[in-house]
Amino acid sequence: WNSMLRRRSKSSVVCLEWLVADKSLLAQLRNGDFSPVVVLDDNS
């Protein structure tokens, strides 16, 4: 989530399109083409 989008965001709700730049991957995620979807974070 690049800093420009972060500054433009006025709410705590962020759409998937802002986080996933690859349009093909975005469509596959929205269609439910993957399971499981594993989220990895190094701080939590």
PDB file of all heavy atoms in Angstrom:
ATOM      1  N   TRP A   1       0.884  -1.151   0.000  1.00  0.00           N
ATOM      2  CA  TRP A   1       0.000   0.000   0.000  1.00  0.00           C
ATOM      3  C   TRP A   1       0.923   1.201   0.000  1.00  0.00           C
ATOM      4  O   TRP A   1       1.428   1.605   1.044  1.00  0.00           O
ATOM      5  CB  TRP A   1      -0.904  -0.012   1.219  1.00  0.00           C
ATOM      6  CG  TRP A   1      -1.994   1.002   1.171  1.00  0.00           C
ATOM      7  CD1 TRP A   1      -2.560   1.536   0.070  1.00  0.00           C
ATOM      8  CD2 TRP A   1      -2.666   1.597   2.281  1.00  0.00           C
ATOM      9  NE1 TRP A   1      -3.546   2.419   0.419  1.00  0.00           N
ATOM     10  CE2 TRP A   1      -3.628   2.478   1.774  1.00  0.00           C
ATOM     11  CE3 TRP A   1      -2.539   1.465   3.646  1.00  0.00           C
ATOM     12  CZ2 TRP A   1      -4.465   3.226   2.584  1.00  0.00           C
ATOM     13  CZ3 TRP A   1      -3.373   2.200   4.461  1.00  0.00           C
ATOM     14  CH2 TRP A   1      -4.329   3.070   3.927  1.00  0.00           C
ATOM     15  N   ASN A   2       1.164   1.758  -1.189  1.00  0.00           N
ATOM     16  CA  ASN A   2       2.170   2.807  -1.286  1.00  0.00           C
ATOM     17  C   ASN A   2       1.753   4.073  -0.542  1.00  0.00           C
ATOM     18  O   ASN A   2       0.582   4.300  -0.258  1.00  0.00           O
ATOM     19  CB  ASN A   2       2.562   3.078  -2.744  1.00  0.00           C
ATOM     20  CG  ASN A   2       1.467   3.752  -3.542  1.00  0.00           C
ATOM     21  OD1 ASN A   2       0.839   4.694  -3.092  1.00  0.00           O
ATOM     22  ND2 ASN A   2       1.237   3.262  -4.751  1.00  0.00           N
ATOM     23  N   SER A   3       2.735   4.891  -0.246  1.00  0.00           N
ATOM     24  CA  SER A   3       2.504   6.073   0.588  1.00  0.00           C
ATOM     25  C   SER A   3       1.542   7.064  -0.055  1.00  0.00           C
ATOM     26  O   SER A   3       0.795   7.748   0.646  1.00  0.00           O
ATOM     27  CB  SER A   3       3.829   6.751   0.930  1.00  0.00           C
ATOM     28  OG  SER A   3       4.520   7.072  -0.251  1.00  0.00           O
ATOM     29  N   MET A   4       1.513   7.149  -1.382  1.00  0.00           N
ATOM     30  CA  MET A   4       0.588   8.077  -2.041  1.00  0.00           C
ATOM     31  C   MET A   4      -0.864   7.647  -1.799  1.00  0.00           C
ATOM     32  O   MET A   4      -1.708   8.465  -1.443  1.00  0.00           O
ATOM     33  CB  MET A   4       0.859   8.159  -3.541  1.00  0.00           C
ATOM     34  CG  MET A   4      -0.049   9.160  -4.244  1.00  0.00           C
ATOM     35  SD  MET A   4       0.163   9.199  -6.019  1.00  0.00           S
ATOM     36  CE  MET A   4       1.874   9.589  -6.173  1.00  0.00           C
ATOM     37  N   LEU A   5      -1.160   6.373  -1.975  1.00  0.00           N
ATOM     38  CA  LEU A   5      -2.511   5.882  -1.708  1.00  0.00           C
ATOM     39  C   LEU A   5      -2.859   6.013  -0.231  1.00  0.00           C
ATOM     40  O   LEU A   5      -3.986   6.336   0.129  1.00  0.00           O
ATOM     41  CB  LEU A   5      -2.654   4.423  -2.137  1.00  0.00           C
ATOM     42  CG  LEU A   5      -2.762   4.165  -3.629  1.00  0.00           C
ATOM     43  CD1 LEU A   5      -2.764   2.672  -3.908  1.00  0.00           C
ATOM     44  CD2 LEU A   5      -4.014   4.807  -4.199  1.00  0.00           C
ATOM     45  N   ARG A   6      -1.889   5.772   0.613  1.00  0.00           N
ATOM     46  CA  ARG A   6      -2.112   5.890   2.059  1.00  0.00           C
ATOM     47  C   ARG A   6      -2.525   7.322   2.420  1.00  0.00           C
ATOM     48  O   ARG A   6      -3.440   7.525   3.204  1.00  0.00           O
ATOM     49  CB  ARG A   6      -0.833   5.497   2.793  1.00  0.00           C
ATOM     50  CG  ARG A   6      -1.017   5.222   4.251  1.00  0.00           C
ATOM     51  CD  ARG A   6       0.302   4.792   4.860  1.00  0.00           C
ATOM     52  NE  ARG A   6       0.787   3.555   4.297  1.00  0.00           N
ATOM     53  CZ  ARG A   6       0.871   2.409   4.961  1.00  0.00           C
ATOM     54  NH1 ARG A   6       0.517   2.361   6.218  1.00  0.00           N
ATOM     55  NH2 ARG A   6       1.331   1.328   4.377  1.00  0.00           N
ATOM     56  N   ARG A   7      -1.865   8.303   1.834  1.00  0.00           N
ATOM     57  CA  ARG A   7      -2.192   9.708   2.123  1.00  0.00           C
ATOM     58  C   ARG A   7      -3.554  10.079   1.554  1.00  0.00           C
ATOM     59  O   ARG A   7      -4.292  10.861   2.151  1.00  0.00           O
ATOM     60  CB  ARG A   7      -1.126  10.637   1.545  1.00  0.00           C
ATOM     61  CG  ARG A   7       0.129  10.691   2.383  1.00  0.00           C
ATOM     62  CD  ARG A   7       1.040  11.826   1.952  1.00  0.00           C
ATOM     63  NE  ARG A   7       1.501  11.702   0.577  1.00  0.00           N
ATOM     64  CZ  ARG A   7       2.603  11.079   0.196  1.00  0.00           C
ATOM     65  NH1 ARG A   7       3.362  10.474   1.090  1.00  0.00           N
ATOM     66  NH2 ARG A   7       2.951  11.029  -1.059  1.00  0.00           N
ATOM     67  N   ARG A   8      -3.904   9.532   0.384  1.00  0.00           N
ATOM     68  CA  ARG A   8      -5.182   9.868  -0.251  1.00  0.00           C
ATOM     69  C   ARG A   8      -6.374   9.221   0.448  1.00  0.00           C
ATOM     70  O   ARG A   8      -7.493   9.691   0.336  1.00  0.00           O
ATOM     71  CB  ARG A   8      -5.183   9.432  -1.710  1.00  0.00           C
ATOM     72  CG  ARG A   8      -4.345  10.300  -2.574  1.00  0.00           C
ATOM     73  CD  ARG A   8      -4.460   9.848  -4.002  1.00  0.00           C
ATOM     74  NE  ARG A   8      -3.616  10.640  -4.861  1.00  0.00           N
ATOM     75  CZ  ARG A   8      -3.418  10.381  -6.134  1.00  0.00           C
ATOM     76  NH1 ARG A   8      -4.001   9.344  -6.694  1.00  0.00           N
ATOM     77  NH2 ARG A   8      -2.636  11.157  -6.854  1.00  0.00           N
ATOM     78  N   SER A   9      -6.127   8.127   1.132  1.00  0.00           N
ATOM     79  CA  SER A   9      -7.214   7.402   1.785  1.00  0.00           C
ATOM     80  C   SER A   9      -7.750   8.217   2.953  1.00  0.00           C
ATOM     81  O   SER A   9      -7.030   8.609   3.850  1.00  0.00           O
ATOM     82  CB  SER A   9      -6.717   6.053   2.292  1.00  0.00           C
ATOM     83  OG  SER A   9      -7.720   5.435   3.037  1.00  0.00           O
ATOM     84  N   LYS A  10      -9.041   8.449   2.940  1.00  0.00           N
ATOM     85  CA  LYS A  10      -9.668   9.237   3.993  1.00  0.00           C
ATOM     86  C   LYS A  10     -10.380   8.353   5.012  1.00  0.00           C
ATOM     87  O   LYS A  10     -10.851   8.827   6.022  1.00  0.00           O
ATOM     88  CB  LYS A  10     -10.696  10.198   3.376  1.00  0.00           C
ATOM     89  CG  LYS A  10     -10.104  11.126   2.342  1.00  0.00           C
ATOM     90  CD  LYS A  10      -9.800  12.463   2.936  1.00  0.00           C
ATOM     91  CE  LYS A  10      -9.458  13.484   1.902  1.00  0.00           C
ATOM     92  NZ  LYS A  10      -8.076  13.541   1.541  1.00  0.00           N
ATOM     93  N   SER A  11     -10.473   7.065   4.719  1.00  0.00           N
ATOM     94  CA  SER A  11     -11.200   6.185   5.627  1.00  0.00           C
ATOM     95  C   SER A  11     -10.331   4.995   6.013  1.00  0.00           C
ATOM     96  O   SER A  11      -9.258   4.780   5.481  1.00  0.00           O
ATOM     97  CB  SER A  11     -12.477   5.678   4.955  1.00  0.00           C
ATOM     98  OG  SER A  11     -12.149   4.774   3.921  1.00  0.00           O
ATOM     99  N   SER A  12     -10.833   4.224   6.956  1.00  0.00           N
ATOM    100  CA  SER A  12     -10.110   3.025   7.375  1.00  0.00           C
ATOM    101  C   SER A  12     -10.438   1.847   6.464  1.00  0.00           C
ATOM    102  O   SER A  12      -9.862   0.784   6.591  1.00  0.00           O
ATOM    103  CB  SER A  12     -10.443   2.691   8.818  1.00  0.00           C
ATOM    104  OG  SER A  12     -11.829   2.457   8.934  1.00  0.00           O
ATOM    105  N   VAL A  13     -11.383   2.045   5.538  1.00  0.00           N
ATOM    106  CA  VAL A  13     -11.752   0.991   4.600  1.00  0.00           C
ATOM    107  C   VAL A  13     -10.900   1.142   3.342  1.00  0.00           C
ATOM    108  O   VAL A  13     -10.872   2.201   2.727  1.00  0.00           O
ATOM    109  CB  VAL A  13     -13.256   1.064   4.243  1.00  0.00           C
ATOM    110  CG1 VAL A  13     -13.607   0.003   3.228  1.00  0.00           C
ATOM    111  CG2 VAL A  13     -14.106   0.929   5.495  1.00  0.00           C
ATOM    112  N   VAL A  14     -10.198   0.085   3.003  1.00  0.00           N
ATOM    113  CA  VAL A  14      -9.321   0.093   1.834  1.00  0.00           C
ATOM    114  C   VAL A  14      -9.767  -1.040   0.920  1.00  0.00           C
ATOM    115  O   VAL A  14      -9.988  -2.157   1.373  1.00  0.00           O
ATOM    116  CB  VAL A  14      -7.852  -0.103   2.269  1.00  0.00           C
ATOM    117  CG1 VAL A  14      -6.943  -0.249   1.077  1.00  0.00           C
ATOM    118  CG2 VAL A  14      -7.412   1.056   3.144  1.00  0.00           C
ATOM    119  N   CYS A  15      -9.897  -0.735  -0.364  1.00  0.00           N
ATOM    120  CA  CYS A  15     -10.339  -1.777  -1.289  1.00  0.00           C
ATOM    121  C   CYS A  15      -9.152  -2.616  -1.751  1.00  0.00           C
ATOM    122  O   CYS A  15      -8.005  -2.169  -1.762  1.00  0.00           O
ATOM    123  CB  CYS A  15     -11.105  -1.189  -2.459  1.00  0.00           C
ATOM    124  SG  CYS A  15     -10.141  -0.142  -3.539  1.00  0.00           S
ATOM    125  N   LEU A  16      -9.448  -3.834  -2.124  1.00  0.00           N
ATOM    126  CA  LEU A  16      -8.445  -4.798  -2.549  1.00  0.00           C
ATOM    127  C   LEU A  16      -7.636  -4.284  -3.736  1.00  0.00           C
ATOM    128  O   LEU A  16      -6.439  -4.528  -3.842  1.00  0.00           O
ATOM    129  CB  LEU A  16      -9.162  -6.106  -2.909  1.00  0.00           C
ATOM    130  CG  LEU A  16      -8.417  -7.409  -2.833  1.00  0.00           C
ATOM    131  CD1 LEU A  16      -7.654  -7.564  -1.530  1.00  0.00           C
ATOM    132  CD2 LEU A  16      -9.369  -8.566  -3.035  1.00  0.00           C
ATOM    133  N   GLU A  17      -8.283  -3.524  -4.599  1.00  0.00           N
ATOM    134  CA  GLU A  17      -7.623  -2.975  -5.782  1.00  0.00           C
ATOM    135  C   GLU A  17      -6.434  -2.086  -5.419  1.00  0.00           C
ATOM    136  O   GLU A  17      -5.465  -1.990  -6.162  1.00  0.00           O
ATOM    137  CB  GLU A  17      -8.646  -2.191  -6.597  1.00  0.00           C
ATOM    138  CG  GLU A  17      -8.136  -1.696  -7.914  1.00  0.00           C
ATOM    139  CD  GLU A  17      -9.244  -1.057  -8.738  1.00  0.00           C
ATOM    140  OE1 GLU A  17     -10.377  -0.934  -8.245  1.00  0.00           O
ATOM    141  OE2 GLU A  17      -8.948  -0.694  -9.879  1.00  0.00           O
ATOM    142  N   TRP A  18      -6.507  -1.405  -4.275  1.00  0.00           N
ATOM    143  CA  TRP A  18      -5.405  -0.547  -3.845  1.00  0.00           C
ATOM    144  C   TRP A  18      -4.224  -1.350  -3.338  1.00  0.00           C
ATOM    145  O   TRP A  18      -3.100  -0.861  -3.300  1.00  0.00           O
ATOM    146  CB  TRP A  18      -5.861   0.393  -2.743  1.00  0.00           C
ATOM    147  CG  TRP A  18      -6.835   1.434  -3.177  1.00  0.00           C
ATOM    148  CD1 TRP A  18      -7.320   1.658  -4.431  1.00  0.00           C
ATOM    149  CD2 TRP A  18      -7.466   2.388  -2.345  1.00  0.00           C
ATOM    150  NE1 TRP A  18      -8.208   2.692  -4.423  1.00  0.00           N
ATOM    151  CE2 TRP A  18      -8.322   3.163  -3.146  1.00  0.00           C
ATOM    152  CE3 TRP A  18      -7.401   2.668  -0.987  1.00  0.00           C
ATOM    153  CZ2 TRP A  18      -9.095   4.202  -2.657  1.00  0.00           C
ATOM    154  CZ3 TRP A  18      -8.180   3.703  -0.484  1.00  0.00           C
ATOM    155  CH2 TRP A  18      -9.012   4.460  -1.319  1.00  0.00           C
ATOM    156  N   LEU A  19      -4.453  -2.587  -2.926  1.00  0.00           N
ATOM    157  CA  LEU A  19      -3.414  -3.399  -2.307  1.00  0.00           C
ATOM    158  C   LEU A  19      -2.787  -4.411  -3.263  1.00  0.00           C
ATOM    159  O   LEU A  19      -1.652  -4.807  -3.083  1.00  0.00           O
ATOM    160  CB  LEU A  19      -3.988  -4.145  -1.095  1.00  0.00           C
ATOM    161  CG  LEU A  19      -4.641  -3.272  -0.026  1.00  0.00           C
ATOM    162  CD1 LEU A  19      -5.289  -4.138   1.035  1.00  0.00           C
ATOM    163  CD2 LEU A  19      -3.639  -2.312   0.578  1.00  0.00           C
ATOM    164  N   VAL A  20      -3.548  -4.841  -4.270  1.00  0.00           N
ATOM    165  CA  VAL A  20      -3.072  -5.855  -5.212  1.00  0.00           C
ATOM    166  C   VAL A  20      -2.965  -5.200  -6.589  1.00  0.00           C
ATOM    167  O   VAL A  20      -3.972  -4.968  -7.252  1.00  0.00           O
ATOM    168  CB  VAL A  20      -4.032  -7.074  -5.248  1.00  0.00           C
ATOM    169  CG1 VAL A  20      -3.545  -8.107  -6.247  1.00  0.00           C
ATOM    170  CG2 VAL A  20      -4.173  -7.681  -3.853  1.00  0.00           C
ATOM    171  N   ALA A  21      -1.742  -4.920  -7.002  1.00  0.00           N
ATOM    172  CA  ALA A  21      -1.523  -4.199  -8.259  1.00  0.00           C
ATOM    173  C   ALA A  21      -1.772  -5.076  -9.493  1.00  0.00           C
ATOM    174  O   ALA A  21      -2.215  -4.580 -10.523  1.00  0.00           O
ATOM    175  CB  ALA A  21      -0.101  -3.647  -8.298  1.00  0.00           C
ATOM    176  N   ASP A  22      -1.511  -6.361  -9.378  1.00  0.00           N
ATOM    177  CA  ASP A  22      -1.667  -7.285 -10.500  1.00  0.00           C
ATOM    178  C   ASP A  22      -3.160  -7.521 -10.749  1.00  0.00           C
ATOM    179  O   ASP A  22      -3.852  -8.155  -9.955  1.00  0.00           O
ATOM    180  CB  ASP A  22      -0.953  -8.596 -10.163  1.00  0.00           C
ATOM    181  CG  ASP A  22      -1.037  -9.638 -11.263  1.00  0.00           C
ATOM    182  OD1 ASP A  22      -2.018  -9.640 -12.036  1.00  0.00           O
ATOM    183  OD2 ASP A  22      -0.119 -10.473 -11.327  1.00  0.00           O
ATOM    184  N   LYS A  23      -3.670  -7.011 -11.867  1.00  0.00           N
ATOM    185  CA  LYS A  23      -5.111  -7.072 -12.170  1.00  0.00           C
ATOM    186  C   LYS A  23      -5.609  -8.505 -12.326  1.00  0.00           C
ATOM    187  O   LYS A  23      -6.731  -8.823 -11.960  1.00  0.00           O
ATOM    188  CB  LYS A  23      -5.442  -6.256 -13.428  1.00  0.00           C
ATOM    189  CG  LYS A  23      -5.086  -4.785 -13.306  1.00  0.00           C
ATOM    190  CD  LYS A  23      -5.792  -4.122 -12.144  1.00  0.00           C
ATOM    191  CE  LYS A  23      -5.404  -2.669 -12.051  1.00  0.00           C
ATOM    192  NZ  LYS A  23      -5.583  -2.100 -10.744  1.00  0.00           N
ATOM    193  N   SER A  24      -4.779  -9.369 -12.886  1.00  0.00           N
ATOM    194  CA  SER A  24      -5.164 -10.769 -13.037  1.00  0.00           C
ATOM    195  C   SER A  24      -5.313 -11.442 -11.669  1.00  0.00           C
ATOM    196  O   SER A  24      -6.293 -12.137 -11.407  1.00  0.00           O
ATOM    197  CB  SER A  24      -4.114 -11.500 -13.878  1.00  0.00           C
ATOM    198  OG  SER A  24      -4.390 -12.867 -13.923  1.00  0.00           O
ATOM    199  N   LEU A  25      -4.339 -11.221 -10.795  1.00  0.00           N
ATOM    200  CA  LEU A  25      -4.405 -11.766  -9.441  1.00  0.00           C
ATOM    201  C   LEU A  25      -5.602 -11.192  -8.692  1.00  0.00           C
ATOM    202  O   LEU A  25      -6.313 -11.919  -7.994  1.00  0.00           O
ATOM    203  CB  LEU A  25      -3.104 -11.479  -8.683  1.00  0.00           C
ATOM    204  CG  LEU A  25      -3.076 -11.919  -7.216  1.00  0.00           C
ATOM    205  CD1 LEU A  25      -3.276 -13.426  -7.085  1.00  0.00           C
ATOM    206  CD2 LEU A  25      -1.771 -11.478  -6.567  1.00  0.00           C
ATOM    207  N   LEU A  26      -5.845  -9.905  -8.855  1.00  0.00           N
ATOM    208  CA  LEU A  26      -6.986  -9.253  -8.211  1.00  0.00           C
ATOM    209  C   LEU A  26      -8.297  -9.921  -8.616  1.00  0.00           C
ATOM    210  O   LEU A  26      -9.132 -10.253  -7.765  1.00  0.00           O
ATOM    211  CB  LEU A  26      -7.002  -7.766  -8.570  1.00  0.00           C
ATOM    212  CG  LEU A  26      -8.161  -6.939  -8.059  1.00  0.00           C
ATOM    213  CD1 LEU A  26      -8.157  -6.864  -6.532  1.00  0.00           C
ATOM    214  CD2 LEU A  26      -8.101  -5.531  -8.649  1.00  0.00           C
ATOM    215  N   ALA A  27      -8.470 -10.162  -9.901  1.00  0.00           N
ATOM    216  CA  ALA A  27      -9.694 -10.815 -10.392  1.00  0.00           C
ATOM    217  C   ALA A  27      -9.814 -12.228  -9.838  1.00  0.00           C
ATOM    218  O   ALA A  27     -10.902 -12.650  -9.428  1.00  0.00           O
ATOM    219  CB  ALA A  27      -9.702 -10.833 -11.918  1.00  0.00           C
ATOM    220  N   GLN A  28      -8.711 -12.956  -9.801  1.00  0.00           N
ATOM    221  CA  GLN A  28      -8.734 -14.315  -9.265  1.00  0.00           C
ATOM    222  C   GLN A  28      -9.095 -14.323  -7.783  1.00  0.00           C
ATOM    223  O   GLN A  28      -9.864 -15.177  -7.336  1.00  0.00           O
ATOM    224  CB  GLN A  28      -7.378 -14.996  -9.471  1.00  0.00           C
ATOM    225  CG  GLN A  28      -7.080 -15.323 -10.919  1.00  0.00           C
ATOM    226  CD  GLN A  28      -5.699 -15.911 -11.065  1.00  0.00           C
ATOM    227  OE1 GLN A  28      -4.702 -15.252 -10.788  1.00  0.00           O
ATOM    228  NE2 GLN A  28      -5.641 -17.166 -11.481  1.00  0.00           N
ATOM    229  N   LEU A  29      -8.547 -13.373  -7.028  1.00  0.00           N
ATOM    230  CA  LEU A  29      -8.880 -13.282  -5.606  1.00  0.00           C
ATOM    231  C   LEU A  29     -10.364 -12.979  -5.414  1.00  0.00           C
ATOM    232  O   LEU A  29     -11.043 -13.623  -4.614  1.00  0.00           O
ATOM    233  CB  LEU A  29      -8.033 -12.200  -4.918  1.00  0.00           C
ATOM    234  CG  LEU A  29      -6.573 -12.551  -4.678  1.00  0.00           C
ATOM    235  CD1 LEU A  29      -5.784 -11.303  -4.294  1.00  0.00           C
ATOM    236  CD2 LEU A  29      -6.454 -13.623  -3.603  1.00  0.00           C
ATOM    237  N   ARG A  30     -10.868 -11.992  -6.149  1.00  0.00           N
ATOM    238  CA  ARG A  30     -12.272 -11.611  -6.022  1.00  0.00           C
ATOM    239  C   ARG A  30     -13.211 -12.747  -6.423  1.00  0.00           C
ATOM    240  O   ARG A  30     -14.292 -12.879  -5.865  1.00  0.00           O
ATOM    241  CB  ARG A  30     -12.562 -10.366  -6.854  1.00  0.00           C
ATOM    242  CG  ARG A  30     -12.024  -9.099  -6.219  1.00  0.00           C
ATOM    243  CD  ARG A  30     -12.370  -7.895  -7.042  1.00  0.00           C
ATOM    244  NE  ARG A  30     -12.059  -6.669  -6.338  1.00  0.00           N
ATOM    245  CZ  ARG A  30     -11.819  -5.519  -6.941  1.00  0.00           C
ATOM    246  NH1 ARG A  30     -11.867  -5.432  -8.264  1.00  0.00           N
ATOM    247  NH2 ARG A  30     -11.543  -4.441  -6.231  1.00  0.00           N
ATOM    248  N   ASN A  31     -12.804 -13.560  -7.398  1.00  0.00           N
ATOM    249  CA  ASN A  31     -13.629 -14.683  -7.844  1.00  0.00           C
ATOM    250  C   ASN A  31     -13.555 -15.883  -6.909  1.00  0.00           C
ATOM    251  O   ASN A  31     -14.295 -16.846  -7.084  1.00  0.00           O
ATOM    252  CB  ASN A  31     -13.217 -15.130  -9.245  1.00  0.00           C
ATOM    253  CG  ASN A  31     -13.605 -14.142 -10.300  1.00  0.00           C
ATOM    254  OD1 ASN A  31     -14.546 -13.374 -10.136  1.00  0.00           O
ATOM    255  ND2 ASN A  31     -12.861 -14.141 -11.392  1.00  0.00           N
ATOM    256  N   GLY A  32     -12.638 -15.851  -5.963  1.00  0.00           N
ATOM    257  CA  GLY A  32     -12.482 -16.983  -5.058  1.00  0.00           C
ATOM    258  C   GLY A  32     -11.734 -18.139  -5.683  1.00  0.00           C
ATOM    259  O   GLY A  32     -11.964 -19.298  -5.335  1.00  0.00           O
ATOM    260  N   ASP A  33     -10.818 -17.831  -6.604  1.00  0.00           N
ATOM    261  CA  ASP A  33     -10.072 -18.873  -7.303  1.00  0.00           C
ATOM    262  C   ASP A  33      -9.000 -19.537  -6.445  1.00  0.00           C
ATOM    263  O   ASP A  33      -8.452 -20.564  -6.844  1.00  0.00           O
ATOM    264  CB  ASP A  33      -9.411 -18.308  -8.565  1.00  0.00           C
ATOM    265  CG  ASP A  33     -10.421 -17.918  -9.630  1.00  0.00           C
ATOM    266  OD1 ASP A  33     -11.607 -18.277  -9.491  1.00  0.00           O
ATOM    267  OD2 ASP A  33     -10.015 -17.241 -10.599  1.00  0.00           O
ATOM    268  N   PHE A  34      -8.668 -18.971  -5.293  1.00  0.00           N
ATOM    269  CA  PHE A  34      -7.651 -19.535  -4.407  1.00  0.00           C
ATOM    270  C   PHE A  34      -8.273 -19.890  -3.064  1.00  0.00           C
ATOM    271  O   PHE A  34      -9.132 -19.172  -2.560  1.00  0.00           O
ATOM    272  CB  PHE A  34      -6.514 -18.538  -4.149  1.00  0.00           C
ATOM    273  CG  PHE A  34      -5.768 -18.120  -5.367  1.00  0.00           C
ATOM    274  CD1 PHE A  34      -5.951 -16.859  -5.903  1.00  0.00           C
ATOM    275  CD2 PHE A  34      -4.872 -18.975  -5.979  1.00  0.00           C
ATOM    276  CE1 PHE A  34      -5.260 -16.453  -7.031  1.00  0.00           C
ATOM    277  CE2 PHE A  34      -4.172 -18.579  -7.110  1.00  0.00           C
ATOM    278  CZ  PHE A  34      -4.370 -17.316  -7.632  1.00  0.00           C
ATOM    279  N   SER A  35      -7.802 -20.978  -2.503  1.00  0.00           N
ATOM    280  CA  SER A  35      -8.139 -21.318  -1.128  1.00  0.00           C
ATOM    281  C   SER A  35      -7.164 -22.395  -0.678  1.00  0.00           C
ATOM    282  O   SER A  35      -7.024 -23.415  -1.358  1.00  0.00           O
ATOM    283  CB  SER A  35      -9.574 -21.813  -1.000  1.00  0.00           C
ATOM    284  OG  SER A  35      -9.906 -21.964   0.366  1.00  0.00           O
ATOM    285  N   PRO A  36      -6.471 -22.123   0.387  1.00  0.00           N
ATOM    286  CA  PRO A  36      -6.561 -20.951   1.241  1.00  0.00           C
ATOM    287  C   PRO A  36      -5.774 -19.754   0.701  1.00  0.00           C
ATOM    288  O   PRO A  36      -4.895 -19.911  -0.122  1.00  0.00           O
ATOM    289  CB  PRO A  36      -5.931 -21.438   2.553  1.00  0.00           C
ATOM    290  CG  PRO A  36      -4.958 -22.490   2.127  1.00  0.00           C
ATOM    291  CD  PRO A  36      -5.559 -23.150   0.921  1.00  0.00           C
ATOM    292  N   VAL A  37      -6.153 -18.575   1.198  1.00  0.00           N
ATOM    293  CA  VAL A  37      -5.409 -17.343   0.962  1.00  0.00           C
ATOM    294  C   VAL A  37      -4.689 -17.066   2.277  1.00  0.00           C
ATOM    295  O   VAL A  37      -5.325 -16.837   3.297  1.00  0.00           O
ATOM    296  CB  VAL A  37      -6.334 -16.163   0.594  1.00  0.00           C
ATOM    297  CG1 VAL A  37      -5.537 -14.876   0.467  1.00  0.00           C
ATOM    298  CG2 VAL A  37      -7.099 -16.461  -0.691  1.00  0.00           C
ATOM    299  N   VAL A  38      -3.359 -17.139   2.255  1.00  0.00           N
ATOM    300  CA  VAL A  38      -2.564 -16.979   3.475  1.00  0.00           C
ATOM    301  C   VAL A  38      -1.972 -15.580   3.503  1.00  0.00           C
ATOM    302  O   VAL A  38      -1.295 -15.167   2.563  1.00  0.00           O
ATOM    303  CB  VAL A  38      -1.440 -18.037   3.562  1.00  0.00           C
ATOM    304  CG1 VAL A  38      -0.619 -17.841   4.830  1.00  0.00           C
ATOM    305  CG2 VAL A  38      -2.027 -19.446   3.515  1.00  0.00           C
ATOM    306  N   VAL A  39      -2.233 -14.852   4.583  1.00  0.00           N
ATOM    307  CA  VAL A  39      -1.692 -13.514   4.779  1.00  0.00           C
ATOM    308  C   VAL A  39      -0.493 -13.629   5.713  1.00  0.00           C
ATOM    309  O   VAL A  39      -0.588 -14.228   6.783  1.00  0.00           O
ATOM    310  CB  VAL A  39      -2.768 -12.563   5.377  1.00  0.00           C
ATOM    311  CG1 VAL A  39      -2.167 -11.198   5.686  1.00  0.00           C
ATOM    312  CG2 VAL A  39      -3.952 -12.451   4.417  1.00  0.00           C
ATOM    313  N   LEU A  40       0.623 -13.056   5.284  1.00  0.00           N
ATOM    314  CA  LEU A  40       1.868 -13.106   6.048  1.00  0.00           C
ATOM    315  C   LEU A  40       2.260 -11.690   6.436  1.00  0.00           C
ATOM    316  O   LEU A  40       2.239 -10.789   5.603  1.00  0.00           O
ATOM    317  CB  LEU A  40       2.945 -13.746   5.171  1.00  0.00           C
ATOM    318  CG  LEU A  40       4.315 -13.983   5.744  1.00  0.00           C
ATOM    319  CD1 LEU A  40       4.929 -15.184   5.044  1.00  0.00           C
ATOM    320  CD2 LEU A  40       5.221 -12.803   5.618  1.00  0.00           C
ATOM    321  N   ASP A  41       2.587 -11.504   7.703  1.00  0.00           N
ATOM    322  CA  ASP A  41       2.996 -10.200   8.220  1.00  0.00           C
ATOM    323  C   ASP A  41       4.148 -10.438   9.180  1.00  0.00           C
ATOM    324  O   ASP A  41       4.098 -11.374   9.979  1.00  0.00           O
ATOM    325  CB  ASP A  41       1.809  -9.550   8.944  1.00  0.00           C
ATOM    326  CG  ASP A  41       2.170  -8.263   9.654  1.00  0.00           C
ATOM    327  OD1 ASP A  41       2.568  -7.317   8.972  1.00  0.00           O
ATOM    328  OD2 ASP A  41       2.051  -8.215  10.892  1.00  0.00           O
ATOM    329  N   ASP A  42       5.176  -9.616   9.131  1.00  0.00           N
ATOM    330  CA  ASP A  42       6.333  -9.875  10.000  1.00  0.00           C
ATOM    331  C   ASP A  42       6.246  -9.216  11.366  1.00  0.00           C
ATOM    332  O   ASP A  42       7.100  -9.428  12.203  1.00  0.00           O
ATOM    333  CB  ASP A  42       7.633  -9.478   9.306  1.00  0.00           C
ATOM    334  CG  ASP A  42       7.740  -7.993   9.033  1.00  0.00           C
ATOM    335  OD1 ASP A  42       6.740  -7.283   9.160  1.00  0.00           O
ATOM    336  OD2 ASP A  42       8.843  -7.547   8.667  1.00  0.00           O
ATOM    337  N   ASN A  43       5.213  -8.437  11.632  1.00  0.00           N
ATOM    338  CA  ASN A  43       5.135  -7.715  12.902  1.00  0.00           C
ATOM    339  C   ASN A  43       4.131  -8.269  13.895  1.00  0.00           C
ATOM    340  O   ASN A  43       4.061  -7.789  15.010  1.00  0.00           O
ATOM    341  CB  ASN A  43       4.784  -6.241  12.637  1.00  0.00           C
ATOM    342  CG  ASN A  43       5.896  -5.523  11.917  1.00  0.00           C
ATOM    343  OD1 ASN A  43       7.066  -5.782  12.155  1.00  0.00           O
ATOM    344  ND2 ASN A  43       5.533  -4.638  11.013  1.00  0.00           N
ATOM    345  N   SER A  44       3.348  -9.269  13.526  1.00  0.00           N
ATOM    346  CA  SER A  44       2.279  -9.739  14.403  1.00  0.00           C
ATOM    347  C   SER A  44       2.282 -11.255  14.498  1.00  0.00           C
ATOM    348  O   SER A  44       2.516 -11.948  13.522  1.00  0.00           O
ATOM    349  CB  SER A  44       0.918  -9.280  13.873  1.00  0.00           C
ATOM    350  OG  SER A  44       0.913  -7.888  13.712  1.00  0.00           O
TER     351      SER A  44
END
